[in-house]
Amino acid sequence: MLIKIPQTQSLGKTKEAIAKINSSFEAVKDFRAVRVIINVDNY
């Protein structure tokens, strides 16, 4: 999954968004086995 976040968005909001996405995967029993690897690159 590729998520592009605008450079104008604050770092705090970016971290909140990524944490929310990760917790959404963990909330669904069928997706708990999915490993989420976060790799941040500037674009």
C-alpha atoms as a PDB file:
ATOM      1  CA  MET A   1       0.000   0.000   0.000  1.00  0.00           C
ATOM      2  CA  LEU A   2       1.413   3.384  -0.938  1.00  0.00           C
ATOM      3  CA  ILE A   3       0.226   6.482   0.855  1.00  0.00           C
ATOM      4  CA  LYS A   4       1.374   9.886  -0.339  1.00  0.00           C
ATOM      5  CA  ILE A   5       1.159  12.663   2.204  1.00  0.00           C
ATOM      6  CA  PRO A   6       1.585  16.274   1.139  1.00  0.00           C
ATOM      7  CA  GLN A   7       4.703  18.020   2.401  1.00  0.00           C
ATOM      8  CA  THR A   8       2.493  20.832   3.676  1.00  0.00           C
ATOM      9  CA  GLN A   9       0.797  18.499   6.169  1.00  0.00           C
ATOM     10  CA  SER A  10       2.235  18.621   9.687  1.00  0.00           C
ATOM     11  CA  LEU A  11       4.375  15.784  11.004  1.00  0.00           C
ATOM     12  CA  GLY A  12       2.033  15.241  13.964  1.00  0.00           C
ATOM     13  CA  LYS A  13      -1.024  14.830  11.738  1.00  0.00           C
ATOM     14  CA  THR A  14       0.910  12.482   9.475  1.00  0.00           C
ATOM     15  CA  LYS A  15       1.860  10.265  12.409  1.00  0.00           C
ATOM     16  CA  GLU A  16      -1.756  10.277  13.635  1.00  0.00           C
ATOM     17  CA  ALA A  17      -3.011   9.220  10.206  1.00  0.00           C
ATOM     18  CA  ILE A  18      -0.514   6.359   9.955  1.00  0.00           C
ATOM     19  CA  ALA A  19      -1.323   5.173  13.491  1.00  0.00           C
ATOM     20  CA  LYS A  20      -5.056   5.257  12.702  1.00  0.00           C
ATOM     21  CA  ILE A  21      -4.559   3.162   9.558  1.00  0.00           C
ATOM     22  CA  ASN A  22      -2.433   0.659  11.469  1.00  0.00           C
ATOM     23  CA  SER A  23      -4.971   0.345  14.290  1.00  0.00           C
ATOM     24  CA  SER A  24      -7.749  -0.134  11.722  1.00  0.00           C
ATOM     25  CA  PHE A  25      -5.970  -3.248  10.442  1.00  0.00           C
ATOM     26  CA  GLU A  26      -5.562  -4.567  13.987  1.00  0.00           C
ATOM     27  CA  ALA A  27      -9.246  -3.971  14.773  1.00  0.00           C
ATOM     28  CA  VAL A  28     -10.431  -6.497  12.175  1.00  0.00           C
ATOM     29  CA  LYS A  29      -9.782 -10.078  13.254  1.00  0.00           C
ATOM     30  CA  ASP A  30      -9.090 -11.330   9.720  1.00  0.00           C
ATOM     31  CA  PHE A  31      -6.410  -8.659   9.191  1.00  0.00           C
ATOM     32  CA  ARG A  32      -4.521  -9.118  12.473  1.00  0.00           C
ATOM     33  CA  ALA A  33      -2.111 -11.492  10.745  1.00  0.00           C
ATOM     34  CA  VAL A  34      -1.197  -8.765   8.218  1.00  0.00           C
ATOM     35  CA  ARG A  35       2.179  -7.201   8.924  1.00  0.00           C
ATOM     36  CA  VAL A  36       2.332  -3.491   8.239  1.00  0.00           C
ATOM     37  CA  ILE A  37       5.790  -2.158   7.472  1.00  0.00           C
ATOM     38  CA  ILE A  38       6.089   1.593   7.408  1.00  0.00           C
ATOM     39  CA  ASN A  39       8.757   3.013   5.104  1.00  0.00           C
ATOM     40  CA  VAL A  40       8.831   6.772   4.744  1.00  0.00           C
ATOM     41  CA  ASP A  41      10.451   8.398   1.706  1.00  0.00           C
ATOM     42  CA  ASN A  42      10.415  12.024   0.636  1.00  0.00           C
ATOM     43  CA  TYR A  43       8.944  12.697  -2.769  1.00  0.00           C
END
